[in-house]
Amino acid sequence: MEPITVYLVRHGQTLLNRYNRMQGWCDSPLTDKGIEDAKRVGQYLARTEFTHAYCSDTMRAQNTIKYILAANHYQKTTGLTVTPNFREECYGYFEGEDSARTWYMVGMPHGGHRTFSAIIAALGVDASKDLMHETDPWHDAEDARTYWTRLMHGFAELRRDNVNGGKVLMVSHGTTIRSIVDKFGKQDGFVVTESPKNGSITKIELNDEGIKVLSYNELP
């Protein structure tokens, strides 16, 4: 197959981002800054021709991609697909909870790790998913296996839709982008201790060998 270059954009800042709360499958509107995040990316990518555009089925992702495509010179020929496969990780019981308090509750019983950064530095990003699933009293938070089953369906979707290769736009989420880079870019020296910023661009390539990370967390 011809290589597919995926421009992974994190959605603009939301109300829950602003207040540093867990936001996975729950949703909140873009803030004024979030709208500006989206418009800035749109201007930066205005002359980039995409064979297709995708976003997760959250409203924050859908609203972000509308602003981006509105500025794109090729918007009339760019199809848009809304897909649940590239949703954010589901945080289950912890949805909407204060982020710092949540990761303290998850990490302290498992090695005394106080923050998300400490958890992933010591145990890895996938381990953080399994620990949250275990800590969730309802066990609704996605574990790593469930999460990656969904994401790999998403990559298969991209391959099916873009057999001739080209450039693809995808608006997704912070932990999802971080997880992709950790899984497929670690061997090339990409470090994900810092979360991708709202409105940042990460590039990956889907090719015959698999998935290769080209860049991470670049701001327009």
Protein backbone atom coordinates (compact mmCIF):
# COMPACT_ATOMS: atom_id res chain seq x y z
CA MET A 1 0.00 0.00 0.00
CA GLU A 2 1.01 3.64 -0.46
CA PRO A 3 2.03 5.40 2.78
CA ILE A 4 -0.63 7.42 4.60
CA THR A 5 0.55 10.47 6.53
CA VAL A 6 -1.83 11.20 9.40
CA TYR A 7 -1.90 14.68 10.92
CA LEU A 8 -3.09 14.02 14.47
CA VAL A 9 -4.45 17.22 15.98
CA ARG A 10 -5.49 17.48 19.60
CA HIS A 11 -8.84 19.27 19.91
CA GLY A 12 -8.98 22.82 21.23
CA GLN A 13 -9.10 23.57 24.94
CA THR A 14 -12.39 22.66 26.64
CA LEU A 15 -14.01 23.74 29.88
CA LEU A 16 -12.86 20.54 31.63
CA ASN A 17 -9.32 20.98 30.26
CA ARG A 18 -9.27 24.46 31.74
CA TYR A 19 -10.21 23.13 35.17
CA ASN A 20 -7.82 20.14 34.89
CA ARG A 21 -10.53 17.50 35.11
CA MET A 22 -10.64 14.00 33.63
CA GLN A 23 -12.29 14.12 30.22
CA GLY A 24 -12.50 10.86 28.33
CA TRP A 25 -15.89 9.79 27.01
CA CYS A 26 -17.58 12.68 28.81
CA ASP A 27 -17.58 15.99 26.94
CA SER A 28 -17.51 19.73 27.49
CA PRO A 29 -17.61 22.72 25.14
CA LEU A 30 -14.63 24.48 23.64
CA THR A 31 -13.56 27.59 25.53
CA ASP A 32 -12.75 30.84 23.72
CA LYS A 33 -9.13 29.72 23.82
CA GLY A 34 -10.19 26.34 22.40
CA ILE A 35 -11.85 28.02 19.45
CA GLU A 36 -8.70 30.05 18.86
CA ASP A 37 -6.64 26.82 19.11
CA ALA A 38 -8.75 25.31 16.32
CA LYS A 39 -8.64 28.42 14.13
CA ARG A 40 -4.86 28.64 14.51
CA VAL A 41 -4.44 25.06 13.31
CA GLY A 42 -6.85 25.76 10.46
CA GLN A 43 -4.78 28.70 9.25
CA TYR A 44 -1.57 26.70 9.56
CA LEU A 45 -2.98 23.79 7.51
CA ALA A 46 -5.02 25.93 5.12
CA ARG A 47 -2.94 24.98 2.06
CA THR A 48 -2.50 21.30 2.99
CA GLU A 49 -4.57 19.04 0.75
CA PHE A 50 -6.06 16.11 2.66
CA THR A 51 -7.49 13.06 0.94
CA HIS A 52 -9.85 12.61 3.90
CA ALA A 53 -10.60 14.07 7.32
CA TYR A 54 -11.61 12.22 10.48
CA CYS A 55 -12.49 13.11 14.04
CA SER A 56 -13.69 11.27 17.10
CA ASP A 57 -17.41 11.35 17.83
CA THR A 58 -17.08 13.77 20.75
CA MET A 59 -18.45 17.26 20.22
CA ARG A 60 -15.10 18.84 21.16
CA ALA A 61 -13.40 16.99 18.32
CA GLN A 62 -16.23 17.64 15.84
CA ASN A 63 -16.29 21.36 16.62
CA THR A 64 -12.51 21.60 16.35
CA ILE A 65 -12.39 19.97 12.93
CA LYS A 66 -15.16 22.25 11.63
CA TYR A 67 -12.97 25.28 12.32
CA ILE A 68 -9.95 23.60 10.74
CA LEU A 69 -11.78 22.57 7.57
CA ALA A 70 -13.50 25.94 7.27
CA ALA A 71 -10.07 27.50 6.66
CA ASN A 72 -8.83 24.79 4.28
CA HIS A 73 -8.56 25.66 0.60
CA TYR A 74 -9.56 22.10 -0.37
CA GLN A 75 -12.47 21.66 2.04
CA LYS A 76 -15.03 21.04 -0.71
CA THR A 77 -13.20 17.92 -1.87
CA THR A 78 -12.29 16.61 1.60
CA GLY A 79 -14.68 13.99 2.97
CA LEU A 80 -15.29 13.94 6.72
CA THR A 81 -15.81 10.78 8.78
CA VAL A 82 -16.83 10.87 12.45
CA THR A 83 -15.58 7.72 14.15
CA PRO A 84 -15.77 6.35 17.72
CA ASN A 85 -12.53 4.42 17.14
CA PHE A 86 -10.37 7.47 17.90
CA ARG A 87 -12.25 8.57 20.99
CA GLU A 88 -10.30 9.41 24.11
CA GLU A 89 -9.62 6.69 26.67
CA CYS A 90 -12.67 5.96 28.82
CA TYR A 91 -12.00 6.89 32.46
CA GLY A 92 -15.13 5.25 33.82
CA TYR A 93 -15.91 6.23 37.42
CA PHE A 94 -13.28 8.97 37.27
CA GLU A 95 -14.88 10.94 34.40
CA GLY A 96 -15.10 14.61 35.41
CA GLU A 97 -12.97 14.11 38.53
CA ASP A 98 -10.03 16.36 39.39
CA SER A 99 -7.08 14.96 37.41
CA ALA A 100 -4.41 15.32 40.09
CA ARG A 101 -6.62 13.67 42.72
CA THR A 102 -7.54 10.85 40.34
CA TRP A 103 -3.96 9.90 39.47
CA TYR A 104 -2.99 10.09 43.16
CA MET A 105 -5.76 7.58 43.95
CA VAL A 106 -4.66 5.33 41.08
CA GLY A 107 -0.90 5.53 41.59
CA MET A 108 -0.34 5.58 45.36
CA PRO A 109 -1.53 2.00 46.03
CA HIS A 110 0.67 0.77 43.16
CA GLY A 111 4.20 1.84 44.03
CA GLY A 112 3.50 5.17 45.69
CA HIS A 113 3.27 7.12 42.44
CA ARG A 114 1.61 10.48 43.02
CA THR A 115 1.11 11.78 39.46
CA PHE A 116 0.30 10.54 35.98
CA SER A 117 3.81 11.49 34.84
CA ALA A 118 5.30 9.42 37.67
CA ILE A 119 3.10 6.44 36.78
CA ILE A 120 4.01 6.40 33.10
CA ALA A 121 7.70 7.08 33.80
CA ALA A 122 7.88 4.08 36.15
CA LEU A 123 5.34 1.68 34.65
CA GLY A 124 4.38 2.87 31.17
CA VAL A 125 1.30 4.38 29.53
CA ASP A 126 -0.49 1.05 29.03
CA ALA A 127 0.04 0.17 32.68
CA SER A 128 -1.74 3.40 33.66
CA LYS A 129 -4.82 2.16 31.79
CA ASP A 130 -4.78 -1.19 33.57
CA LEU A 131 -4.29 0.47 36.97
CA MET A 132 -7.21 2.83 36.39
CA HIS A 133 -9.43 -0.07 35.30
CA GLU A 134 -8.46 -1.92 38.47
CA THR A 135 -8.99 1.12 40.73
CA ASP A 136 -12.35 2.06 39.20
CA PRO A 137 -14.97 0.55 41.59
CA TRP A 138 -17.20 -0.15 38.57
CA HIS A 139 -14.30 -1.33 36.38
CA ASP A 140 -15.75 0.72 33.51
CA ALA A 141 -12.46 2.48 32.73
CA GLU A 142 -10.84 0.95 29.65
CA ASP A 143 -7.92 -1.37 30.28
CA ALA A 144 -5.06 -1.46 27.77
CA ARG A 145 -6.36 -4.47 25.87
CA THR A 146 -9.84 -2.99 25.38
CA TYR A 147 -8.40 0.38 24.44
CA TRP A 148 -5.97 -0.96 21.84
CA THR A 149 -8.55 -3.27 20.30
CA ARG A 150 -10.60 -0.13 19.56
CA LEU A 151 -7.64 1.89 18.27
CA MET A 152 -6.43 -0.89 15.97
CA HIS A 153 -9.93 -1.02 14.43
CA GLY A 154 -9.43 2.69 13.81
CA PHE A 155 -6.12 2.20 12.02
CA ALA A 156 -7.69 -0.54 9.90
CA GLU A 157 -10.45 1.94 9.02
CA LEU A 158 -7.85 4.50 7.86
CA ARG A 159 -6.09 1.89 5.72
CA ARG A 160 -9.33 0.74 4.09
CA ASP A 161 -10.40 4.29 3.28
CA ASN A 162 -7.06 5.48 1.90
CA VAL A 163 -5.61 2.66 -0.20
CA ASN A 164 -3.87 5.16 -2.48
CA GLY A 165 -2.11 6.87 0.41
CA GLY A 166 -1.88 10.62 0.83
CA LYS A 167 -2.36 13.04 3.71
CA VAL A 168 -5.16 12.51 6.23
CA LEU A 169 -6.40 14.88 8.95
CA MET A 170 -7.49 13.40 12.30
CA VAL A 171 -8.75 15.38 15.31
CA SER A 172 -8.41 13.26 18.43
CA HIS A 173 -7.42 13.56 22.09
CA GLY A 174 -4.47 14.07 24.40
CA THR A 175 -4.09 10.63 25.94
CA THR A 176 -4.93 8.91 22.66
CA ILE A 177 -2.22 10.82 20.80
CA ARG A 178 0.17 10.25 23.69
CA SER A 179 -0.59 6.51 23.70
CA ILE A 180 0.00 6.19 19.96
CA VAL A 181 3.35 7.96 20.17
CA ASP A 182 4.40 5.91 23.20
CA LYS A 183 3.52 2.62 21.52
CA PHE A 184 4.95 3.28 18.08
CA GLY A 185 7.56 6.00 18.62
CA LYS A 186 9.45 5.01 21.75
CA GLN A 187 12.11 3.13 19.75
CA ASP A 188 12.79 6.32 17.78
CA GLY A 189 13.34 8.39 20.90
CA PHE A 190 9.94 10.05 21.28
CA VAL A 191 9.16 10.75 24.94
CA VAL A 192 5.60 11.37 26.14
CA THR A 193 6.14 12.61 29.68
CA GLU A 194 4.60 15.88 28.44
CA SER A 195 1.04 15.76 27.14
CA PRO A 196 0.35 17.09 23.64
CA LYS A 197 -1.03 20.60 23.92
CA ASN A 198 -4.48 21.61 22.72
CA GLY A 199 -4.21 22.47 19.04
CA SER A 200 -0.86 20.71 18.61
CA ILE A 201 0.00 18.55 15.60
CA THR A 202 1.56 15.08 15.74
CA LYS A 203 2.38 13.24 12.52
CA ILE A 204 2.46 9.49 11.97
CA GLU A 205 2.84 7.35 8.88
CA LEU A 206 0.93 4.16 8.13
CA ASN A 207 2.93 1.97 5.75
CA ASP A 208 3.53 -1.68 4.86
CA GLU A 209 5.84 -2.09 7.86
CA GLY A 210 3.34 -0.73 10.37
CA ILE A 211 3.09 2.67 12.07
CA LYS A 212 5.93 5.18 12.32
CA VAL A 213 5.91 8.39 14.37
CA LEU A 214 7.26 11.37 12.42
CA SER A 215 6.77 14.21 14.93
CA TYR A 216 5.11 14.89 18.27
CA ASN A 217 3.35 17.82 19.90
CA GLU A 218 4.29 20.57 17.45
CA LEU A 219 2.45 23.88 17.81
CA PRO A 220 1.56 25.88 14.70
